[in-house]
Amino acid sequence: MMGLPSFVVAAPEGMWAYSLSAAKEKLEAELPPNHDKADEEKFRNTIVGLQKKAAR
């Protein structure tokens, strides 16, 4: 695959993690601005999973 396999968008309204496949994005996780610790951990785990997937 050429290009980025995933990316994160960060804004005051929250953060969103996307994966890319065949030039189409897929929302993998969302972290709202009023998140709790569990939401933060889930978002982090999603990002780590995307990194591991890209390393294969």
C-alpha atoms as a PDB file:
ATOM      1  CA  MET A   1       0.000   0.000   0.000  1.00  0.00           C
ATOM      2  CA  MET A   2       1.301   3.423  -0.896  1.00  0.00           C
ATOM      3  CA  GLY A   3       0.692   6.441   1.310  1.00  0.00           C
ATOM      4  CA  LEU A   4      -0.712   6.590   4.801  1.00  0.00           C
ATOM      5  CA  PRO A   5      -2.445   3.509   6.221  1.00  0.00           C
ATOM      6  CA  SER A   6      -4.103   5.597   8.962  1.00  0.00           C
ATOM      7  CA  PHE A   7      -4.342   9.116  10.338  1.00  0.00           C
ATOM      8  CA  VAL A   8      -5.721  11.128  13.277  1.00  0.00           C
ATOM      9  CA  VAL A   9      -7.636  14.401  13.067  1.00  0.00           C
ATOM     10  CA  ALA A  10      -7.480  16.572  16.187  1.00  0.00           C
ATOM     11  CA  ALA A  11      -9.605  19.658  16.864  1.00  0.00           C
ATOM     12  CA  PRO A  12     -11.154  21.374  19.880  1.00  0.00           C
ATOM     13  CA  GLU A  13     -14.322  19.374  19.098  1.00  0.00           C
ATOM     14  CA  GLY A  14     -12.526  16.045  19.593  1.00  0.00           C
ATOM     15  CA  MET A  15     -10.177  13.573  17.917  1.00  0.00           C
ATOM     16  CA  TRP A  16     -10.919  10.996  15.227  1.00  0.00           C
ATOM     17  CA  ALA A  17      -8.778   8.044  14.107  1.00  0.00           C
ATOM     18  CA  TYR A  18      -9.217   6.809  10.531  1.00  0.00           C
ATOM     19  CA  SER A  19      -7.823   3.938   8.501  1.00  0.00           C
ATOM     20  CA  LEU A  20      -7.405   4.082   4.734  1.00  0.00           C
ATOM     21  CA  SER A  21      -8.060   1.334   2.229  1.00  0.00           C
ATOM     22  CA  ALA A  22      -8.226   1.849  -1.531  1.00  0.00           C
ATOM     23  CA  ALA A  23      -8.316   5.629  -0.973  1.00  0.00           C
ATOM     24  CA  LYS A  24     -11.448   5.333   1.194  1.00  0.00           C
ATOM     25  CA  GLU A  25     -11.368   6.367   4.824  1.00  0.00           C
ATOM     26  CA  LYS A  26     -12.994   4.404   7.632  1.00  0.00           C
ATOM     27  CA  LEU A  27     -13.659   5.960  11.025  1.00  0.00           C
ATOM     28  CA  GLU A  28     -12.040   3.657  13.582  1.00  0.00           C
ATOM     29  CA  ALA A  29     -12.511   5.644  16.809  1.00  0.00           C
ATOM     30  CA  GLU A  30     -13.722   8.982  18.125  1.00  0.00           C
ATOM     31  CA  LEU A  31     -12.666  10.812  21.297  1.00  0.00           C
ATOM     32  CA  PRO A  32     -15.076  13.599  22.280  1.00  0.00           C
ATOM     33  CA  PRO A  33     -13.834  16.646  24.199  1.00  0.00           C
ATOM     34  CA  ASN A  34     -15.715  15.578  27.343  1.00  0.00           C
ATOM     35  CA  HIS A  35     -14.184  12.069  27.348  1.00  0.00           C
ATOM     36  CA  ASP A  36     -13.490   9.939  30.376  1.00  0.00           C
ATOM     37  CA  LYS A  37     -10.530   7.689  31.122  1.00  0.00           C
ATOM     38  CA  ALA A  38     -12.183   4.634  29.527  1.00  0.00           C
ATOM     39  CA  ASP A  39     -12.795   6.546  26.267  1.00  0.00           C
ATOM     40  CA  GLU A  40      -9.180   7.715  26.291  1.00  0.00           C
ATOM     41  CA  GLU A  41      -7.883   4.167  26.775  1.00  0.00           C
ATOM     42  CA  LYS A  42     -10.098   2.810  23.972  1.00  0.00           C
ATOM     43  CA  PHE A  43      -8.880   5.536  21.604  1.00  0.00           C
ATOM     44  CA  ARG A  44      -5.253   4.845  22.513  1.00  0.00           C
ATOM     45  CA  ASN A  45      -5.711   1.099  21.970  1.00  0.00           C
ATOM     46  CA  THR A  46      -7.245   1.772  18.558  1.00  0.00           C
ATOM     47  CA  ILE A  47      -4.257   3.892  17.524  1.00  0.00           C
ATOM     48  CA  VAL A  48      -1.795   1.261  18.760  1.00  0.00           C
ATOM     49  CA  GLY A  49      -3.742  -1.409  16.847  1.00  0.00           C
ATOM     50  CA  LEU A  50      -3.621   0.657  13.658  1.00  0.00           C
ATOM     51  CA  GLN A  51       0.145   1.098  14.085  1.00  0.00           C
ATOM     52  CA  LYS A  52       0.654  -2.649  14.541  1.00  0.00           C
ATOM     53  CA  LYS A  53      -1.519  -3.383  11.507  1.00  0.00           C
ATOM     54  CA  ALA A  54       0.527  -0.966   9.391  1.00  0.00           C
ATOM     55  CA  ALA A  55       3.817  -2.542  10.521  1.00  0.00           C
ATOM     56  CA  ARG A  56       2.852  -5.958   9.100  1.00  0.00           C
END
